[in-house]
Protein backbone atom coordinates (compact mmCIF):
# COMPACT_ATOMS: atom_id res chain seq x y z
CA MET A 1 103.62 92.71 97.84
CA THR A 2 101.46 95.18 99.65
CA PRO A 3 98.04 93.75 100.42
CA ASN A 4 95.08 95.89 101.38
CA GLY A 5 94.80 94.80 104.99
CA THR A 6 91.56 96.67 105.55
CA ALA A 7 89.95 94.75 102.70
CA ILE A 8 91.25 91.45 104.05
CA ARG A 9 89.80 92.19 107.49
CA CYS A 10 86.45 93.27 106.01
CA PHE A 11 86.15 90.14 103.87
CA ARG A 12 87.20 87.94 106.80
CA LYS A 13 84.71 89.48 109.21
CA ALA A 14 81.91 89.46 106.62
CA ARG A 15 82.41 85.72 106.32
CA GLY A 16 82.49 85.26 110.09
CA LEU A 17 86.03 83.88 110.06
CA SER A 18 88.43 84.29 112.97
CA LEU A 19 92.14 84.95 112.67
CA ARG A 20 92.63 81.52 114.25
CA HIS A 21 90.66 79.89 111.43
CA MET A 22 92.49 81.92 108.78
CA ALA A 23 95.82 80.95 110.30
CA ALA A 24 94.92 77.27 110.15
CA VAL A 25 93.65 77.45 106.57
CA THR A 26 96.51 79.58 105.21
CA GLU A 27 99.22 77.89 107.29
CA ARG A 28 100.37 81.30 108.52
CA SER A 29 100.46 82.52 112.12
CA ARG A 30 97.68 84.61 113.65
CA GLY A 31 100.26 87.22 114.56
CA PHE A 32 101.50 87.50 111.00
CA LEU A 33 97.99 87.71 109.58
CA SER A 34 97.16 90.41 112.12
CA LEU A 35 100.20 92.40 110.99
CA VAL A 36 99.11 92.06 107.37
CA GLU A 37 95.58 93.23 108.21
CA ARG A 38 96.99 96.26 110.06
CA GLY A 39 99.29 97.13 107.15
CA GLN A 40 102.43 96.47 109.20
CA ALA A 41 103.66 93.55 107.08
CA GLY A 42 103.73 92.71 103.42
CA ALA A 43 102.92 89.31 101.99
CA SER A 44 104.33 87.07 99.30
CA ARG A 45 102.30 86.15 96.25
CA ASP A 46 101.83 82.67 97.74
CA THR A 47 100.47 84.10 100.99
CA LEU A 48 98.11 86.43 99.13
CA CYS A 49 96.84 83.48 97.10
CA ARG A 50 96.26 81.47 100.28
CA ILE A 51 94.39 84.35 101.90
CA ALA A 52 92.28 84.94 98.79
CA ASP A 53 91.49 81.22 98.51
CA ALA A 54 90.45 81.09 102.17
CA LEU A 55 88.19 84.10 101.65
CA GLU A 56 86.93 82.78 98.29
CA ILE A 57 87.81 86.02 96.48
CA PRO A 58 90.19 86.94 93.64
CA VAL A 59 93.69 88.05 94.64
CA ALA A 60 93.04 91.37 92.90
CA ALA A 61 90.45 92.19 95.56
CA ILE A 62 93.18 92.38 98.22
CA ASN A 63 96.35 93.23 96.28
CA ARG A 64 97.01 96.97 96.05
CA GLU A 65 99.53 96.53 93.23
CA GLU A 66 96.95 94.84 91.02
CA MET A 67 94.26 97.38 91.91
CA SER A 68 96.08 100.38 90.44
């Protein structure tokens, strides 16, 4: 799936969360999350759900496929 990395970064920063914190909460590496935020990597449905849960937002807010 193709997440909206810009939206993920904006939500993360608005909540004052670091990539390190997100990595710990989502059980994904900081490097991978950085790639997702920069639009250089896709993410599975499970990963998108973990990111959305960590940010306390609906998956639709960060999933381009569901936004269309």
